[in-house]
Amino acid sequence: MAGAVSAMRDIFGDMGRPNAPMLELINGLQAMTQGGMSHMTPQKLEQTVRNTYNMAKITGLGFEGMQALSNNAVQLLTSQGMSPAFANQLATSTAGYGFAFARAGQPLAFGAMNTEQAVANDMNMRAGAINSPMAVRLAGVARLSNEFARRGADGATVNGFDPNSEAYALAEAVKNGRDTYMFQGQQKSVLQSESSIKSILMRAGVSGTDASMELRRSGAAAARTINQYEIQDIVRDNQDVLNAQPIFGGVFGRSVAASLAGIGRPRNRAEGAAQGRLATELGKELFAETQRLFDEDR
């Protein structure tokens, strides 16, 4: 905890109070973490303080401005029945988004948001991402990667996925805040359907029942994991793609279905359903590929 106290002293120093008593420093930590300090590791606590301090300086908001943003986040989270423990993360990420939005210049378009509106919208979307099915799904992957028991090479029981498995690569990406991972020379998105992730977990040895249960486990267990690894930011930063994919996946899927129809009409309902599922999955893959090419061109 010494690192977190030292970081907090830096903040007080910037406010002209480098010799603030320890009690005030501890109170500052409690306020910054919304009372969640006791549930954080010393490393996580120091990281939280440093991130807040750096964001306050980079954006020019100062510590008081960051605290005001954090208070807004508390009100938003409380109104939606969520834990205020997420407030600091929301405030820090939203401050960075607002700074980038302002630096990019406001678009000259009818109905376009100004910076204040964009910040409020971003915070709302980050809060919404906390309880999203995708965040819950990724939290299940991260949790399983810590708790799954398997047989090691020597026959002993070890926790965690095999480092050579796709489940391991996926979980490591999620736990380190990345939205993509590499497996067998291919770059893949962590934002996959429940069925895709379930298949990945089952290939790593997780039973289908356990995989389904963990990928849907919401409530306190999911909230703790989402908070620990800041999974809501992965989801929020990809929400435009997540919102568009079902729409464009359907559009591309219909095009693929038209092509599949040239192969021949399905002989029964089962074949028709299988062909429809294939069209939808291919459509989503096409959309993902166009998104990748778009990102490369930007």
C-alpha atoms as a PDB file:
ATOM      1  CA  MET A   1       0.000   0.000   0.000  1.00  0.00           C
ATOM      2  CA  ALA A   2       3.034   2.239   0.296  1.00  0.00           C
ATOM      3  CA  GLY A   3       2.987   2.802  -3.474  1.00  0.00           C
ATOM      4  CA  ALA A   4      -0.622   3.986  -3.430  1.00  0.00           C
ATOM      5  CA  VAL A   5       0.045   6.330  -0.508  1.00  0.00           C
ATOM      6  CA  SER A   6       3.076   7.736  -2.320  1.00  0.00           C
ATOM      7  CA  ALA A   7       0.971   8.314  -5.442  1.00  0.00           C
ATOM      8  CA  MET A   8      -1.716  10.027  -3.382  1.00  0.00           C
ATOM      9  CA  ARG A   9       0.945  12.246  -1.794  1.00  0.00           C
ATOM     10  CA  ASP A  10       1.954  13.330  -5.320  1.00  0.00           C
ATOM     11  CA  ILE A  11      -1.640  14.368  -5.964  1.00  0.00           C
ATOM     12  CA  PHE A  12      -1.821  16.357  -2.745  1.00  0.00           C
ATOM     13  CA  GLY A  13       1.558  17.878  -3.619  1.00  0.00           C
ATOM     14  CA  ASP A  14       0.154  19.169  -6.911  1.00  0.00           C
ATOM     15  CA  MET A  15      -2.624  20.789  -4.900  1.00  0.00           C
ATOM     16  CA  GLY A  16      -0.035  22.598  -2.759  1.00  0.00           C
ATOM     17  CA  ARG A  17      -0.166  20.212   0.198  1.00  0.00           C
ATOM     18  CA  PRO A  18       2.903  17.938  -0.034  1.00  0.00           C
ATOM     19  CA  ASN A  19       2.911  17.349   3.739  1.00  0.00           C
ATOM     20  CA  ALA A  20      -0.738  16.321   4.098  1.00  0.00           C
ATOM     21  CA  PRO A  21      -1.196  14.003   7.107  1.00  0.00           C
ATOM     22  CA  MET A  22      -1.572  10.268   6.573  1.00  0.00           C
ATOM     23  CA  LEU A  23      -5.238  10.324   7.615  1.00  0.00           C
ATOM     24  CA  GLU A  24      -6.064  12.678   4.752  1.00  0.00           C
ATOM     25  CA  LEU A  25      -4.150  10.528   2.306  1.00  0.00           C
ATOM     26  CA  ILE A  26      -6.077   7.432   3.400  1.00  0.00           C
ATOM     27  CA  ASN A  27      -9.363   9.340   3.195  1.00  0.00           C
ATOM     28  CA  GLY A  28      -8.369  10.418  -0.303  1.00  0.00           C
ATOM     29  CA  LEU A  29      -7.793   6.791  -1.283  1.00  0.00           C
ATOM     30  CA  GLN A  30     -11.153   5.787   0.156  1.00  0.00           C
ATOM     31  CA  ALA A  31     -12.878   8.570  -1.756  1.00  0.00           C
ATOM     32  CA  MET A  32     -11.124   7.669  -5.007  1.00  0.00           C
ATOM     33  CA  THR A  33     -12.080   3.988  -4.731  1.00  0.00           C
ATOM     34  CA  GLN A  34     -15.574   4.724  -3.374  1.00  0.00           C
ATOM     35  CA  GLY A  35     -14.827   2.667  -0.273  1.00  0.00           C
ATOM     36  CA  GLY A  36     -13.511  -0.304  -2.247  1.00  0.00           C
ATOM     37  CA  MET A  37      -9.889   0.073  -1.191  1.00  0.00           C
ATOM     38  CA  SER A  38      -9.965  -2.964   1.111  1.00  0.00           C
ATOM     39  CA  HIS A  39     -11.010  -5.212  -1.807  1.00  0.00           C
ATOM     40  CA  MET A  40      -8.092  -4.206  -4.033  1.00  0.00           C
ATOM     41  CA  THR A  41      -4.584  -5.621  -4.165  1.00  0.00           C
ATOM     42  CA  PRO A  42      -1.799  -3.128  -3.352  1.00  0.00           C
ATOM     43  CA  GLN A  43      -0.714  -3.222  -7.011  1.00  0.00           C
ATOM     44  CA  LYS A  44      -4.251  -2.553  -8.281  1.00  0.00           C
ATOM     45  CA  LEU A  45      -4.716   0.255  -5.762  1.00  0.00           C
ATOM     46  CA  GLU A  46      -1.490   1.971  -6.800  1.00  0.00           C
ATOM     47  CA  GLN A  47      -2.354   1.527 -10.477  1.00  0.00           C
ATOM     48  CA  THR A  48      -5.759   3.130  -9.878  1.00  0.00           C
ATOM     49  CA  VAL A  49      -4.212   6.158  -8.184  1.00  0.00           C
ATOM     50  CA  ARG A  50      -1.481   6.541 -10.806  1.00  0.00           C
ATOM     51  CA  ASN A  51      -3.974   6.265 -13.663  1.00  0.00           C
ATOM     52  CA  THR A  52      -6.202   8.896 -12.094  1.00  0.00           C
ATOM     53  CA  TYR A  53      -3.237  11.185 -11.417  1.00  0.00           C
ATOM     54  CA  ASN A  54      -1.900  10.853 -14.957  1.00  0.00           C
ATOM     55  CA  MET A  55      -5.311  11.355 -16.565  1.00  0.00           C
ATOM     56  CA  ALA A  56      -5.927  14.432 -14.414  1.00  0.00           C
ATOM     57  CA  LYS A  57      -2.664  15.956 -15.660  1.00  0.00           C
ATOM     58  CA  ILE A  58      -3.017  14.923 -19.315  1.00  0.00           C
ATOM     59  CA  THR A  59      -6.573  16.207 -19.675  1.00  0.00           C
ATOM     60  CA  GLY A  60      -6.044  19.318 -17.555  1.00  0.00           C
ATOM     61  CA  LEU A  61      -9.038  18.424 -15.399  1.00  0.00           C
ATOM     62  CA  GLY A  62      -6.965  18.266 -12.223  1.00  0.00           C
ATOM     63  CA  PHE A  63      -7.792  16.054  -9.293  1.00  0.00           C
ATOM     64  CA  GLU A  64     -10.895  18.074  -8.411  1.00  0.00           C
ATOM     65  CA  GLY A  65     -12.222  17.664 -11.941  1.00  0.00           C
ATOM     66  CA  MET A  66     -11.606  13.929 -11.851  1.00  0.00           C
ATOM     67  CA  GLN A  67     -13.401  13.677  -8.520  1.00  0.00           C
ATOM     68  CA  ALA A  68     -16.383  15.564  -9.965  1.00  0.00           C
ATOM     69  CA  LEU A  69     -16.478  13.138 -12.887  1.00  0.00           C
ATOM     70  CA  SER A  70     -16.216  10.215 -10.456  1.00  0.00           C
ATOM     71  CA  ASN A  71     -19.128  11.600  -8.424  1.00  0.00           C
ATOM     72  CA  ASN A  72     -21.207  11.768 -11.615  1.00  0.00           C
ATOM     73  CA  ALA A  73     -20.302   8.141 -12.272  1.00  0.00           C
ATOM     74  CA  VAL A  74     -21.411   7.148  -8.759  1.00  0.00           C
ATOM     75  CA  GLN A  75     -24.811   8.757  -9.309  1.00  0.00           C
ATOM     76  CA  LEU A  76     -25.185   7.041 -12.678  1.00  0.00           C
ATOM     77  CA  LEU A  77     -24.171   3.611 -11.363  1.00  0.00           C
ATOM     78  CA  THR A  78     -26.376   3.902  -8.275  1.00  0.00           C
ATOM     79  CA  SER A  79     -29.365   4.921 -10.388  1.00  0.00           C
ATOM     80  CA  GLN A  80     -28.906   1.749 -12.443  1.00  0.00           C
ATOM     81  CA  GLY A  81     -28.451  -0.505  -9.421  1.00  0.00           C
ATOM     82  CA  MET A  82     -24.742  -1.092 -10.012  1.00  0.00           C
ATOM     83  CA  SER A  83     -21.777  -0.954  -7.656  1.00  0.00           C
ATOM     84  CA  PRO A  84     -20.074   2.437  -7.198  1.00  0.00           C
ATOM     85  CA  ALA A  85     -16.776   0.513  -7.216  1.00  0.00           C
ATOM     86  CA  PHE A  86     -16.770   1.044 -10.997  1.00  0.00           C
ATOM     87  CA  ALA A  87     -16.908   4.842 -10.633  1.00  0.00           C
ATOM     88  CA  ASN A  88     -13.169   5.523 -10.815  1.00  0.00           C
ATOM     89  CA  GLN A  89     -12.734   3.336 -13.891  1.00  0.00           C
ATOM     90  CA  LEU A  90     -15.654   5.038 -15.622  1.00  0.00           C
ATOM     91  CA  ALA A  91     -14.341   8.489 -14.725  1.00  0.00           C
ATOM     92  CA  THR A  92     -10.800   7.784 -15.928  1.00  0.00           C
ATOM     93  CA  SER A  93     -11.842   6.187 -19.217  1.00  0.00           C
ATOM     94  CA  THR A  94     -14.481   8.816 -19.918  1.00  0.00           C
ATOM     95  CA  ALA A  95     -12.017  11.628 -19.186  1.00  0.00           C
ATOM     96  CA  GLY A  96      -9.655  10.157 -21.778  1.00  0.00           C
ATOM     97  CA  TYR A  97     -12.489   9.826 -24.281  1.00  0.00           C
ATOM     98  CA  GLY A  98     -13.594  13.426 -23.719  1.00  0.00           C
ATOM     99  CA  PHE A  99     -10.040  14.698 -24.137  1.00  0.00           C
ATOM    100  CA  ALA A 100      -9.641  12.782 -27.431  1.00  0.00           C
ATOM    101  CA  PHE A 101     -13.050  13.972 -28.647  1.00  0.00           C
ATOM    102  CA  ALA A 102     -12.182  17.612 -27.949  1.00  0.00           C
ATOM    103  CA  ARG A 103      -8.760  17.289 -29.579  1.00  0.00           C
ATOM    104  CA  ALA A 104     -10.311  15.757 -32.699  1.00  0.00           C
ATOM    105  CA  GLY A 105     -12.510  18.810 -33.168  1.00  0.00           C
ATOM    106  CA  GLN A 106     -16.271  18.881 -33.086  1.00  0.00           C
ATOM    107  CA  PRO A 107     -17.974  17.674 -36.278  1.00  0.00           C
ATOM    108  CA  LEU A 108     -19.928  20.280 -38.223  1.00  0.00           C
ATOM    109  CA  ALA A 109     -23.129  18.331 -38.628  1.00  0.00           C
ATOM    110  CA  PHE A 110     -26.737  18.909 -37.636  1.00  0.00           C
ATOM    111  CA  GLY A 111     -27.438  17.274 -34.296  1.00  0.00           C
ATOM    112  CA  ALA A 112     -23.775  16.472 -33.630  1.00  0.00           C
ATOM    113  CA  MET A 113     -22.772  16.204 -29.974  1.00  0.00           C
ATOM    114  CA  ASN A 114     -20.549  18.752 -28.284  1.00  0.00           C
ATOM    115  CA  THR A 115     -17.802  17.592 -25.918  1.00  0.00           C
ATOM    116  CA  GLU A 116     -19.968  17.746 -22.794  1.00  0.00           C
ATOM    117  CA  GLN A 117     -22.696  15.675 -24.443  1.00  0.00           C
ATOM    118  CA  ALA A 118     -20.132  13.218 -25.811  1.00  0.00           C
ATOM    119  CA  VAL A 119     -18.638  12.724 -22.347  1.00  0.00           C
ATOM    120  CA  ALA A 120     -22.057  12.084 -20.812  1.00  0.00           C
ATOM    121  CA  ASN A 121     -22.927   9.667 -23.609  1.00  0.00           C
ATOM    122  CA  ASP A 122     -19.627   7.811 -23.237  1.00  0.00           C
ATOM    123  CA  MET A 123     -20.105   7.379 -19.496  1.00  0.00           C
ATOM    124  CA  ASN A 124     -23.610   6.049 -20.068  1.00  0.00           C
ATOM    125  CA  MET A 125     -22.343   3.554 -22.623  1.00  0.00           C
ATOM    126  CA  ARG A 126     -19.502   2.398 -20.363  1.00  0.00           C
ATOM    127  CA  ALA A 127     -21.962   1.876 -17.526  1.00  0.00           C
ATOM    128  CA  GLY A 128     -24.210  -0.080 -19.869  1.00  0.00           C
ATOM    129  CA  ALA A 129     -21.267  -2.208 -20.970  1.00  0.00           C
ATOM    130  CA  ILE A 130     -20.765  -3.442 -17.387  1.00  0.00           C
ATOM    131  CA  ASN A 131     -23.982  -5.461 -17.419  1.00  0.00           C
ATOM    132  CA  SER A 132     -23.838  -6.402 -21.101  1.00  0.00           C
ATOM    133  CA  PRO A 133     -23.964 -10.088 -22.112  1.00  0.00           C
ATOM    134  CA  MET A 134     -20.564  -9.674 -23.791  1.00  0.00           C
ATOM    135  CA  ALA A 135     -18.907  -8.378 -20.601  1.00  0.00           C
ATOM    136  CA  VAL A 136     -20.493 -11.204 -18.585  1.00  0.00           C
ATOM    137  CA  ARG A 137     -19.241 -13.700 -21.206  1.00  0.00           C
ATOM    138  CA  LEU A 138     -15.667 -12.395 -21.114  1.00  0.00           C
ATOM    139  CA  ALA A 139     -15.758 -12.312 -17.319  1.00  0.00           C
ATOM    140  CA  GLY A 140     -16.620 -16.023 -17.404  1.00  0.00           C
ATOM    141  CA  VAL A 141     -13.556 -16.695 -19.558  1.00  0.00           C
ATOM    142  CA  ALA A 142     -11.287 -14.765 -17.188  1.00  0.00           C
ATOM    143  CA  ARG A 143     -12.759 -16.457 -14.122  1.00  0.00           C
ATOM    144  CA  LEU A 144     -12.417 -19.942 -15.615  1.00  0.00           C
ATOM    145  CA  SER A 145      -8.802 -19.239 -16.552  1.00  0.00           C
ATOM    146  CA  ASN A 146      -8.064 -18.755 -12.854  1.00  0.00           C
ATOM    147  CA  GLU A 147     -10.201 -21.581 -11.466  1.00  0.00           C
ATOM    148  CA  PHE A 148     -10.219 -24.373 -14.076  1.00  0.00           C
ATOM    149  CA  ALA A 149      -8.376 -27.454 -12.820  1.00  0.00           C
ATOM    150  CA  ARG A 150      -6.606 -29.744 -15.298  1.00  0.00           C
ATOM    151  CA  ARG A 151      -3.975 -32.463 -15.350  1.00  0.00           C
ATOM    152  CA  GLY A 152      -0.463 -31.247 -15.997  1.00  0.00           C
ATOM    153  CA  ALA A 153       2.219 -33.107 -17.969  1.00  0.00           C
ATOM    154  CA  ASP A 154       3.351 -34.858 -14.779  1.00  0.00           C
ATOM    155  CA  GLY A 155      -0.192 -35.909 -13.907  1.00  0.00           C
ATOM    156  CA  ALA A 156      -0.540 -33.387 -11.090  1.00  0.00           C
ATOM    157  CA  THR A 157      -3.549 -31.081 -10.890  1.00  0.00           C
ATOM    158  CA  VAL A 158      -2.829 -27.508 -11.959  1.00  0.00           C
ATOM    159  CA  ASN A 159      -5.060 -24.447 -12.243  1.00  0.00           C
ATOM    160  CA  GLY A 160      -5.506 -22.573 -15.494  1.00  0.00           C
ATOM    161  CA  PHE A 161      -5.701 -23.400 -19.182  1.00  0.00           C
ATOM    162  CA  ASP A 162      -2.936 -25.122 -21.109  1.00  0.00           C
ATOM    163  CA  PRO A 163      -0.628 -22.304 -22.366  1.00  0.00           C
ATOM    164  CA  ASN A 164      -0.807 -23.861 -25.839  1.00  0.00           C
ATOM    165  CA  SER A 165      -4.599 -23.694 -26.009  1.00  0.00           C
ATOM    166  CA  GLU A 166      -6.739 -21.048 -27.664  1.00  0.00           C
ATOM    167  CA  ALA A 167      -8.618 -20.629 -24.386  1.00  0.00           C
ATOM    168  CA  TYR A 168      -5.364 -19.497 -22.744  1.00  0.00           C
ATOM    169  CA  ALA A 169      -4.670 -16.943 -25.508  1.00  0.00           C
ATOM    170  CA  LEU A 170      -8.242 -15.643 -25.304  1.00  0.00           C
ATOM    171  CA  ALA A 171      -8.203 -15.350 -21.503  1.00  0.00           C
ATOM    172  CA  GLU A 172      -4.824 -13.601 -21.429  1.00  0.00           C
ATOM    173  CA  ALA A 173      -6.084 -11.012 -23.906  1.00  0.00           C
ATOM    174  CA  VAL A 174      -9.202 -10.342 -21.823  1.00  0.00           C
ATOM    175  CA  LYS A 175      -7.246 -10.103 -18.558  1.00  0.00           C
ATOM    176  CA  ASN A 176      -4.805  -7.640 -20.114  1.00  0.00           C
ATOM    177  CA  GLY A 177      -7.427  -5.376 -21.658  1.00  0.00           C
ATOM    178  CA  ARG A 178      -6.855  -6.405 -25.298  1.00  0.00           C
ATOM    179  CA  ASP A 179      -9.660  -6.963 -27.771  1.00  0.00           C
ATOM    180  CA  THR A 180      -7.669  -9.315 -30.025  1.00  0.00           C
ATOM    181  CA  TYR A 181      -5.357 -12.295 -29.549  1.00  0.00           C
ATOM    182  CA  MET A 182      -3.084 -14.437 -31.702  1.00  0.00           C
ATOM    183  CA  PHE A 183      -3.603 -18.169 -32.107  1.00  0.00           C
ATOM    184  CA  GLN A 184      -1.881 -20.406 -34.638  1.00  0.00           C
ATOM    185  CA  GLY A 185      -0.726 -17.397 -36.625  1.00  0.00           C
ATOM    186  CA  GLN A 186      -4.174 -15.790 -36.842  1.00  0.00           C
ATOM    187  CA  GLN A 187      -5.390 -12.644 -35.134  1.00  0.00           C
ATOM    188  CA  LYS A 188      -8.812 -13.120 -33.584  1.00  0.00           C
ATOM    189  CA  SER A 189     -11.262 -10.901 -31.737  1.00  0.00           C
ATOM    190  CA  VAL A 190     -12.199 -11.650 -28.125  1.00  0.00           C
ATOM    191  CA  LEU A 191     -15.710 -10.445 -28.991  1.00  0.00           C
ATOM    192  CA  GLN A 192     -17.195 -13.747 -30.076  1.00  0.00           C
ATOM    193  CA  SER A 193     -20.575 -15.407 -29.759  1.00  0.00           C
ATOM    194  CA  GLU A 194     -21.337 -17.582 -26.770  1.00  0.00           C
ATOM    195  CA  SER A 195     -21.276 -20.705 -28.918  1.00  0.00           C
ATOM    196  CA  SER A 196     -17.837 -19.841 -30.348  1.00  0.00           C
ATOM    197  CA  ILE A 197     -16.315 -19.183 -26.928  1.00  0.00           C
ATOM    198  CA  LYS A 198     -17.983 -22.280 -25.508  1.00  0.00           C
ATOM    199  CA  SER A 199     -16.316 -24.370 -28.224  1.00  0.00           C
ATOM    200  CA  ILE A 200     -12.935 -22.816 -27.406  1.00  0.00           C
ATOM    201  CA  LEU A 201     -13.382 -23.623 -23.713  1.00  0.00           C
ATOM    202  CA  MET A 202     -14.507 -27.171 -24.395  1.00  0.00           C
ATOM    203  CA  ARG A 203     -11.430 -27.795 -26.536  1.00  0.00           C
ATOM    204  CA  ALA A 204      -9.413 -26.748 -23.472  1.00  0.00           C
ATOM    205  CA  GLY A 205     -11.156 -29.399 -21.391  1.00  0.00           C
ATOM    206  CA  VAL A 206     -14.019 -27.442 -19.794  1.00  0.00           C
ATOM    207  CA  SER A 207     -17.298 -29.363 -19.799  1.00  0.00           C
ATOM    208  CA  GLY A 208     -20.133 -27.964 -21.899  1.00  0.00           C
ATOM    209  CA  THR A 209     -22.288 -27.538 -18.803  1.00  0.00           C
ATOM    210  CA  ASP A 210     -19.613 -25.616 -16.893  1.00  0.00           C
ATOM    211  CA  ALA A 211     -18.793 -23.462 -19.915  1.00  0.00           C
ATOM    212  CA  SER A 212     -22.430 -22.469 -20.442  1.00  0.00           C
ATOM    213  CA  MET A 213     -22.928 -21.763 -16.746  1.00  0.00           C
ATOM    214  CA  GLU A 214     -19.832 -19.564 -16.402  1.00  0.00           C
ATOM    215  CA  LEU A 215     -20.420 -17.648 -19.631  1.00  0.00           C
ATOM    216  CA  ARG A 216     -23.855 -16.644 -18.336  1.00  0.00           C
ATOM    217  CA  ARG A 217     -23.011 -16.135 -14.646  1.00  0.00           C
ATOM    218  CA  SER A 218     -24.063 -12.555 -13.884  1.00  0.00           C
ATOM    219  CA  GLY A 219     -24.443 -10.788 -10.547  1.00  0.00           C
ATOM    220  CA  ALA A 220     -21.704 -10.263  -7.976  1.00  0.00           C
ATOM    221  CA  ALA A 221     -19.314 -12.866  -9.417  1.00  0.00           C
ATOM    222  CA  ALA A 222     -19.349 -11.238 -12.846  1.00  0.00           C
ATOM    223  CA  ALA A 223     -19.150  -7.719 -11.405  1.00  0.00           C
ATOM    224  CA  ARG A 224     -16.017  -8.554  -9.403  1.00  0.00           C
ATOM    225  CA  THR A 225     -14.256  -9.997 -12.450  1.00  0.00           C
ATOM    226  CA  ILE A 226     -15.368  -7.200 -14.777  1.00  0.00           C
ATOM    227  CA  ASN A 227     -14.134  -4.657 -12.252  1.00  0.00           C
ATOM    228  CA  GLN A 228     -10.849  -6.494 -11.663  1.00  0.00           C
ATOM    229  CA  TYR A 229      -9.916  -6.618 -15.351  1.00  0.00           C
ATOM    230  CA  GLU A 230     -11.850  -3.504 -16.496  1.00  0.00           C
ATOM    231  CA  ILE A 231     -13.663  -5.604 -19.069  1.00  0.00           C
ATOM    232  CA  GLN A 232     -16.308  -2.930 -19.618  1.00  0.00           C
ATOM    233  CA  ASP A 233     -13.713  -0.855 -21.477  1.00  0.00           C
ATOM    234  CA  ILE A 234     -13.090  -3.661 -23.985  1.00  0.00           C
ATOM    235  CA  VAL A 235     -16.815  -3.841 -24.655  1.00  0.00           C
ATOM    236  CA  ARG A 236     -17.369  -0.065 -24.741  1.00  0.00           C
ATOM    237  CA  ASP A 237     -14.485   0.549 -27.126  1.00  0.00           C
ATOM    238  CA  ASN A 238     -16.023  -1.952 -29.544  1.00  0.00           C
ATOM    239  CA  GLN A 239     -19.699  -1.115 -29.084  1.00  0.00           C
ATOM    240  CA  ASP A 240     -20.046   0.476 -32.515  1.00  0.00           C
ATOM    241  CA  VAL A 241     -18.930  -2.799 -34.083  1.00  0.00           C
ATOM    242  CA  LEU A 242     -21.029  -4.908 -31.705  1.00  0.00           C
ATOM    243  CA  ASN A 243     -24.138  -2.841 -32.473  1.00  0.00           C
ATOM    244  CA  ALA A 244     -23.565  -2.936 -36.226  1.00  0.00           C
ATOM    245  CA  GLN A 245     -22.608  -6.585 -36.567  1.00  0.00           C
ATOM    246  CA  PRO A 246     -26.083  -8.104 -36.138  1.00  0.00           C
ATOM    247  CA  ILE A 247     -27.445  -5.646 -38.717  1.00  0.00           C
ATOM    248  CA  PHE A 248     -24.698  -5.941 -41.310  1.00  0.00           C
ATOM    249  CA  GLY A 249     -24.167  -9.590 -40.492  1.00  0.00           C
ATOM    250  CA  GLY A 250     -27.794 -10.077 -41.508  1.00  0.00           C
ATOM    251  CA  VAL A 251     -27.350  -8.055 -44.694  1.00  0.00           C
ATOM    252  CA  PHE A 252     -24.229  -9.968 -45.701  1.00  0.00           C
ATOM    253  CA  GLY A 253     -25.867 -13.174 -44.517  1.00  0.00           C
ATOM    254  CA  ARG A 254     -28.780 -12.684 -46.911  1.00  0.00           C
ATOM    255  CA  SER A 255     -26.301 -12.159 -49.753  1.00  0.00           C
ATOM    256  CA  VAL A 256     -24.470 -15.343 -48.795  1.00  0.00           C
ATOM    257  CA  ALA A 257     -27.793 -17.183 -48.532  1.00  0.00           C
ATOM    258  CA  ALA A 258     -28.648 -16.120 -52.059  1.00  0.00           C
ATOM    259  CA  SER A 259     -25.354 -17.603 -53.234  1.00  0.00           C
ATOM    260  CA  LEU A 260     -25.970 -20.796 -51.281  1.00  0.00           C
ATOM    261  CA  ALA A 261     -29.350 -21.080 -52.942  1.00  0.00           C
ATOM    262  CA  GLY A 262     -27.510 -21.658 -56.197  1.00  0.00           C
ATOM    263  CA  ILE A 263     -26.163 -24.902 -54.760  1.00  0.00           C
ATOM    264  CA  GLY A 264     -29.674 -26.249 -54.589  1.00  0.00           C
ATOM    265  CA  ARG A 265     -32.784 -25.982 -52.444  1.00  0.00           C
ATOM    266  CA  PRO A 266     -32.570 -27.690 -49.050  1.00  0.00           C
ATOM    267  CA  ARG A 267     -34.316 -31.044 -49.052  1.00  0.00           C
ATOM    268  CA  ASN A 268     -35.826 -30.618 -45.607  1.00  0.00           C
ATOM    269  CA  ARG A 269     -36.224 -28.196 -42.710  1.00  0.00           C
ATOM    270  CA  ALA A 270     -33.027 -29.356 -40.989  1.00  0.00           C
ATOM    271  CA  GLU A 271     -30.957 -28.653 -44.103  1.00  0.00           C
ATOM    272  CA  GLY A 272     -32.657 -25.280 -44.496  1.00  0.00           C
ATOM    273  CA  ALA A 273     -31.881 -24.338 -40.878  1.00  0.00           C
ATOM    274  CA  ALA A 274     -28.256 -25.439 -41.247  1.00  0.00           C
ATOM    275  CA  GLN A 275     -27.931 -23.405 -44.443  1.00  0.00           C
ATOM    276  CA  GLY A 276     -29.401 -20.357 -42.679  1.00  0.00           C
ATOM    277  CA  ARG A 277     -26.963 -20.670 -39.777  1.00  0.00           C
ATOM    278  CA  LEU A 278     -24.059 -21.001 -42.195  1.00  0.00           C
ATOM    279  CA  ALA A 279     -25.194 -17.904 -44.094  1.00  0.00           C
ATOM    280  CA  THR A 280     -25.422 -15.867 -40.884  1.00  0.00           C
ATOM    281  CA  GLU A 281     -21.989 -16.954 -39.648  1.00  0.00           C
ATOM    282  CA  LEU A 282     -20.392 -16.281 -43.030  1.00  0.00           C
ATOM    283  CA  GLY A 283     -22.096 -12.907 -43.114  1.00  0.00           C
ATOM    284  CA  LYS A 284     -20.637 -11.989 -39.732  1.00  0.00           C
ATOM    285  CA  GLU A 285     -17.198 -13.123 -40.847  1.00  0.00           C
ATOM    286  CA  LEU A 286     -17.489 -10.942 -43.957  1.00  0.00           C
ATOM    287  CA  PHE A 287     -18.479  -7.980 -41.830  1.00  0.00           C
ATOM    288  CA  ALA A 288     -15.544  -8.597 -39.478  1.00  0.00           C
ATOM    289  CA  GLU A 289     -13.193  -8.702 -42.453  1.00  0.00           C
ATOM    290  CA  THR A 290     -14.535  -5.417 -43.876  1.00  0.00           C
ATOM    291  CA  GLN A 291     -14.162  -3.849 -40.430  1.00  0.00           C
ATOM    292  CA  ARG A 292     -10.542  -5.043 -40.283  1.00  0.00           C
ATOM    293  CA  LEU A 293      -9.777  -3.581 -43.716  1.00  0.00           C
ATOM    294  CA  PHE A 294     -11.477  -0.322 -42.722  1.00  0.00           C
ATOM    295  CA  ASP A 295      -9.335  -0.110 -39.601  1.00  0.00           C
ATOM    296  CA  GLU A 296      -6.192  -0.684 -41.677  1.00  0.00           C
ATOM    297  CA  ASP A 297      -7.133   2.148 -44.042  1.00  0.00           C
ATOM    298  CA  ARG A 298      -7.754   4.664 -41.266  1.00  0.00           C
END
